[in-house]
Amino acid sequence: MSIFHSMNTTASALTAQRLRMDVVSSNMANADTTRAKLVDGEWEPYRRKSVVMEPKGNQFSSFLQVAMNTSGNQGTGNGVKVTNIVEDETPFQLVYDPTHQDANEDGYVRLPNVDPLREMVDLMSATRSYEANVTVFNASKNMLMKALEIGK
């Protein structure tokens, strides 16, 4: 295990949370976009996107095995990685607005499946996680600085 292992782990979380905030921002920016993608000659509204993350490297079972055997310091995590950005398949919202340019023959407009309240909760969660990881990164940095001061 490297002396910078904790900083690398935290940096991976910072990168993942930053991407999560970017995706939420994209969702909020497109909350009213009724023409996002052309599918079979028809415009489809914007679909909400979300980030899928998983741990880098080993799974929990291997950490448990190492902890039970106490065979060294290989039981530490390796951070997190983004595996995919997926589209939310919930149905679009139908709103009656016969004057809208994208209204169907019945006067209904398909709006994106973006819920601003849900997006704000996701943004707050990502922001808090980002802030927590910055705190961990700074604590690691301070510990390394103190260790260097011991050698003086």
C-alpha atoms as a PDB file:
ATOM      1  CA  MET A   1       0.000   0.000   0.000  1.00  0.00           C
ATOM      2  CA  SER A   2       1.362   3.385  -1.032  1.00  0.00           C
ATOM      3  CA  ILE A   3       1.650   6.387   1.247  1.00  0.00           C
ATOM      4  CA  PHE A   4      -0.727   8.152  -1.145  1.00  0.00           C
ATOM      5  CA  HIS A   5      -3.315   5.344  -1.204  1.00  0.00           C
ATOM      6  CA  SER A   6      -5.841   7.260   0.903  1.00  0.00           C
ATOM      7  CA  MET A   7      -5.446  10.344  -1.281  1.00  0.00           C
ATOM      8  CA  ASN A   8      -5.960   8.309  -4.457  1.00  0.00           C
ATOM      9  CA  THR A   9      -9.062   6.686  -2.986  1.00  0.00           C
ATOM     10  CA  THR A  10     -10.505  10.051  -2.024  1.00  0.00           C
ATOM     11  CA  ALA A  11      -9.600  11.548  -5.409  1.00  0.00           C
ATOM     12  CA  SER A  12     -11.603   8.831  -7.171  1.00  0.00           C
ATOM     13  CA  ALA A  13     -14.631   9.708  -5.033  1.00  0.00           C
ATOM     14  CA  LEU A  14     -14.180  13.414  -5.795  1.00  0.00           C
ATOM     15  CA  THR A  15     -14.113  12.692  -9.522  1.00  0.00           C
ATOM     16  CA  ALA A  16     -17.227  10.491  -9.330  1.00  0.00           C
ATOM     17  CA  GLN A  17     -19.199  13.038  -7.284  1.00  0.00           C
ATOM     18  CA  ARG A  18     -18.200  15.834  -9.660  1.00  0.00           C
ATOM     19  CA  LEU A  19     -19.546  13.823 -12.601  1.00  0.00           C
ATOM     20  CA  ARG A  20     -22.728  13.181 -10.623  1.00  0.00           C
ATOM     21  CA  MET A  21     -23.151  16.944 -10.105  1.00  0.00           C
ATOM     22  CA  ASP A  22     -22.576  17.535 -13.831  1.00  0.00           C
ATOM     23  CA  VAL A  23     -25.276  15.011 -14.763  1.00  0.00           C
ATOM     24  CA  VAL A  24     -27.733  16.617 -12.327  1.00  0.00           C
ATOM     25  CA  SER A  25     -26.941  20.015 -13.872  1.00  0.00           C
ATOM     26  CA  SER A  26     -27.642  18.593 -17.321  1.00  0.00           C
ATOM     27  CA  ASN A  27     -30.956  17.191 -16.105  1.00  0.00           C
ATOM     28  CA  MET A  28     -31.992  20.552 -14.655  1.00  0.00           C
ATOM     29  CA  ALA A  29     -30.936  22.426 -17.791  1.00  0.00           C
ATOM     30  CA  ASN A  30     -33.066  20.121 -19.961  1.00  0.00           C
ATOM     31  CA  ALA A  31     -36.121  19.943 -17.693  1.00  0.00           C
ATOM     32  CA  ASP A  32     -38.239  21.667 -20.368  1.00  0.00           C
ATOM     33  CA  THR A  33     -36.634  20.229 -23.515  1.00  0.00           C
ATOM     34  CA  THR A  34     -39.310  18.579 -25.641  1.00  0.00           C
ATOM     35  CA  ARG A  35     -37.043  17.922 -28.643  1.00  0.00           C
ATOM     36  CA  ALA A  36     -33.954  16.120 -27.393  1.00  0.00           C
ATOM     37  CA  LYS A  37     -33.672  13.107 -29.687  1.00  0.00           C
ATOM     38  CA  LEU A  38     -35.128  12.217 -33.071  1.00  0.00           C
ATOM     39  CA  VAL A  39     -36.512   8.669 -32.907  1.00  0.00           C
ATOM     40  CA  ASP A  40     -38.217   7.164 -35.980  1.00  0.00           C
ATOM     41  CA  GLY A  41     -38.969  10.600 -37.407  1.00  0.00           C
ATOM     42  CA  GLU A  42     -40.513  11.921 -34.168  1.00  0.00           C
ATOM     43  CA  TRP A  43     -38.947  14.119 -31.542  1.00  0.00           C
ATOM     44  CA  GLU A  44     -38.632  12.575 -28.112  1.00  0.00           C
ATOM     45  CA  PRO A  45     -38.299  14.675 -24.935  1.00  0.00           C
ATOM     46  CA  TYR A  46     -35.152  14.659 -22.842  1.00  0.00           C
ATOM     47  CA  ARG A  47     -34.773  11.620 -20.579  1.00  0.00           C
ATOM     48  CA  ARG A  48     -33.405  12.014 -17.082  1.00  0.00           C
ATOM     49  CA  LYS A  49     -29.928  10.553 -16.635  1.00  0.00           C
ATOM     50  CA  SER A  50     -28.250   9.158 -13.530  1.00  0.00           C
ATOM     51  CA  VAL A  51     -24.772   7.955 -12.655  1.00  0.00           C
ATOM     52  CA  VAL A  52     -24.007   4.343 -11.721  1.00  0.00           C
ATOM     53  CA  MET A  53     -20.971   3.816  -9.475  1.00  0.00           C
ATOM     54  CA  GLU A  54     -19.265   0.756  -8.061  1.00  0.00           C
ATOM     55  CA  PRO A  55     -16.170   0.105  -5.975  1.00  0.00           C
ATOM     56  CA  LYS A  56     -12.862  -0.196  -7.773  1.00  0.00           C
ATOM     57  CA  GLY A  57     -11.111  -3.503  -7.500  1.00  0.00           C
ATOM     58  CA  ASN A  58     -12.183  -6.085  -4.978  1.00  0.00           C
ATOM     59  CA  GLN A  59     -15.676  -6.770  -3.738  1.00  0.00           C
ATOM     60  CA  PHE A  60     -16.809  -6.878  -0.108  1.00  0.00           C
ATOM     61  CA  SER A  61     -16.412 -10.657   0.181  1.00  0.00           C
ATOM     62  CA  SER A  62     -12.673 -10.416  -0.465  1.00  0.00           C
ATOM     63  CA  PHE A  63     -12.319  -7.670   2.171  1.00  0.00           C
ATOM     64  CA  LEU A  64     -14.179  -9.853   4.653  1.00  0.00           C
ATOM     65  CA  GLN A  65     -11.929 -12.797   3.878  1.00  0.00           C
ATOM     66  CA  VAL A  66      -8.805 -10.683   4.400  1.00  0.00           C
ATOM     67  CA  ALA A  67     -10.173  -9.312   7.671  1.00  0.00           C
ATOM     68  CA  MET A  68     -10.954 -12.818   8.956  1.00  0.00           C
ATOM     69  CA  ASN A  69      -7.484 -14.081   8.036  1.00  0.00           C
ATOM     70  CA  THR A  70      -5.752 -10.879   9.203  1.00  0.00           C
ATOM     71  CA  SER A  71      -3.128 -11.512   6.550  1.00  0.00           C
ATOM     72  CA  GLY A  72      -1.887  -7.963   6.176  1.00  0.00           C
ATOM     73  CA  ASN A  73      -3.097  -4.625   4.967  1.00  0.00           C
ATOM     74  CA  GLN A  74      -4.746  -5.750   1.737  1.00  0.00           C
ATOM     75  CA  GLY A  75      -8.206  -5.139   3.205  1.00  0.00           C
ATOM     76  CA  THR A  76      -8.309  -1.473   2.263  1.00  0.00           C
ATOM     77  CA  GLY A  77     -10.533  -0.130  -0.482  1.00  0.00           C
ATOM     78  CA  ASN A  78      -9.391   1.210  -3.812  1.00  0.00           C
ATOM     79  CA  GLY A  79     -11.964   3.936  -4.325  1.00  0.00           C
ATOM     80  CA  VAL A  80     -14.955   4.207  -6.586  1.00  0.00           C
ATOM     81  CA  LYS A  81     -15.468   4.257 -10.343  1.00  0.00           C
ATOM     82  CA  VAL A  82     -18.304   5.352 -12.571  1.00  0.00           C
ATOM     83  CA  THR A  83     -19.486   2.390 -14.604  1.00  0.00           C
ATOM     84  CA  ASN A  84     -22.306   3.947 -16.585  1.00  0.00           C
ATOM     85  CA  ILE A  85     -24.633   6.876 -17.108  1.00  0.00           C
ATOM     86  CA  VAL A  86     -28.114   5.464 -17.593  1.00  0.00           C
ATOM     87  CA  GLU A  87     -31.344   6.993 -18.820  1.00  0.00           C
ATOM     88  CA  ASP A  88     -34.410   6.865 -16.586  1.00  0.00           C
ATOM     89  CA  GLU A  89     -37.129   4.844 -18.297  1.00  0.00           C
ATOM     90  CA  THR A  90     -40.064   6.313 -16.384  1.00  0.00           C
ATOM     91  CA  PRO A  91     -42.797   7.604 -18.690  1.00  0.00           C
ATOM     92  CA  PHE A  92     -42.828  11.204 -19.876  1.00  0.00           C
ATOM     93  CA  GLN A  93     -45.214  13.688 -18.305  1.00  0.00           C
ATOM     94  CA  LEU A  94     -48.298  14.517 -20.368  1.00  0.00           C
ATOM     95  CA  VAL A  95     -49.508  18.099 -20.092  1.00  0.00           C
ATOM     96  CA  TYR A  96     -52.533  19.524 -21.863  1.00  0.00           C
ATOM     97  CA  ASP A  97     -51.395  22.518 -23.918  1.00  0.00           C
ATOM     98  CA  PRO A  98     -52.972  22.602 -27.391  1.00  0.00           C
ATOM     99  CA  THR A  99     -51.066  25.814 -28.264  1.00  0.00           C
ATOM    100  CA  HIS A 100     -47.648  24.178 -27.826  1.00  0.00           C
ATOM    101  CA  GLN A 101     -45.801  23.423 -31.069  1.00  0.00           C
ATOM    102  CA  ASP A 102     -45.120  19.821 -29.966  1.00  0.00           C
ATOM    103  CA  ALA A 103     -48.707  19.032 -28.926  1.00  0.00           C
ATOM    104  CA  ASN A 104     -50.242  15.885 -30.393  1.00  0.00           C
ATOM    105  CA  GLU A 105     -53.658  15.790 -32.094  1.00  0.00           C
ATOM    106  CA  ASP A 106     -55.367  15.593 -28.672  1.00  0.00           C
ATOM    107  CA  GLY A 107     -53.525  18.690 -27.429  1.00  0.00           C
ATOM    108  CA  TYR A 108     -51.136  16.890 -25.069  1.00  0.00           C
ATOM    109  CA  VAL A 109     -47.412  17.614 -24.906  1.00  0.00           C
ATOM    110  CA  ARG A 110     -44.877  15.051 -23.714  1.00  0.00           C
ATOM    111  CA  LEU A 111     -42.485  16.699 -21.255  1.00  0.00           C
ATOM    112  CA  PRO A 112     -39.222  15.268 -19.890  1.00  0.00           C
ATOM    113  CA  ASN A 113     -39.327  12.888 -16.929  1.00  0.00           C
ATOM    114  CA  VAL A 114     -37.151  15.269 -14.882  1.00  0.00           C
ATOM    115  CA  ASP A 115     -38.416  16.130 -11.403  1.00  0.00           C
ATOM    116  CA  PRO A 116     -36.662  19.315 -10.199  1.00  0.00           C
ATOM    117  CA  LEU A 117     -37.188  18.389  -6.539  1.00  0.00           C
ATOM    118  CA  ARG A 118     -35.536  15.002  -7.002  1.00  0.00           C
ATOM    119  CA  GLU A 119     -32.678  16.639  -8.900  1.00  0.00           C
ATOM    120  CA  MET A 120     -32.097  19.122  -6.082  1.00  0.00           C
ATOM    121  CA  VAL A 121     -31.984  16.295  -3.536  1.00  0.00           C
ATOM    122  CA  ASP A 122     -29.462  14.430  -5.730  1.00  0.00           C
ATOM    123  CA  LEU A 123     -27.417  17.609  -6.099  1.00  0.00           C
ATOM    124  CA  MET A 124     -27.384  18.192  -2.341  1.00  0.00           C
ATOM    125  CA  SER A 125     -26.344  14.585  -1.741  1.00  0.00           C
ATOM    126  CA  ALA A 126     -23.520  14.790  -4.283  1.00  0.00           C
ATOM    127  CA  THR A 127     -22.374  18.137  -2.883  1.00  0.00           C
ATOM    128  CA  ARG A 128     -22.267  16.795   0.691  1.00  0.00           C
ATOM    129  CA  SER A 129     -20.351  13.727  -0.428  1.00  0.00           C
ATOM    130  CA  TYR A 130     -17.922  15.930  -2.333  1.00  0.00           C
ATOM    131  CA  GLU A 131     -17.405  18.165   0.719  1.00  0.00           C
ATOM    132  CA  ALA A 132     -16.845  15.141   2.970  1.00  0.00           C
ATOM    133  CA  ASN A 133     -14.223  13.782   0.587  1.00  0.00           C
ATOM    134  CA  VAL A 134     -12.460  17.148   0.453  1.00  0.00           C
ATOM    135  CA  THR A 135     -12.283  17.040   4.255  1.00  0.00           C
ATOM    136  CA  VAL A 136     -10.797  13.533   4.144  1.00  0.00           C
ATOM    137  CA  PHE A 137      -8.292  14.599   1.485  1.00  0.00           C
ATOM    138  CA  ASN A 138      -7.183  17.597   3.563  1.00  0.00           C
ATOM    139  CA  ALA A 139      -6.860  15.453   6.692  1.00  0.00           C
ATOM    140  CA  SER A 140      -4.671  12.977   4.794  1.00  0.00           C
ATOM    141  CA  LYS A 141      -2.561  15.808   3.448  1.00  0.00           C
ATOM    142  CA  ASN A 142      -2.123  17.277   6.941  1.00  0.00           C
ATOM    143  CA  MET A 143      -1.089  13.891   8.357  1.00  0.00           C
ATOM    144  CA  LEU A 144       1.531  13.491   5.646  1.00  0.00           C
ATOM    145  CA  MET A 145       2.817  17.005   6.311  1.00  0.00           C
ATOM    146  CA  LYS A 146       3.116  16.241  10.039  1.00  0.00           C
ATOM    147  CA  ALA A 147       4.967  13.022   9.235  1.00  0.00           C
ATOM    148  CA  LEU A 148       7.443  15.022   7.152  1.00  0.00           C
ATOM    149  CA  GLU A 149       7.919  17.490  10.011  1.00  0.00           C
ATOM    150  CA  ILE A 150       8.947  14.635  12.328  1.00  0.00           C
ATOM    151  CA  GLY A 151      12.020  14.080  10.169  1.00  0.00           C
ATOM    152  CA  LYS A 152      13.317  17.634  10.725  1.00  0.00           C
END
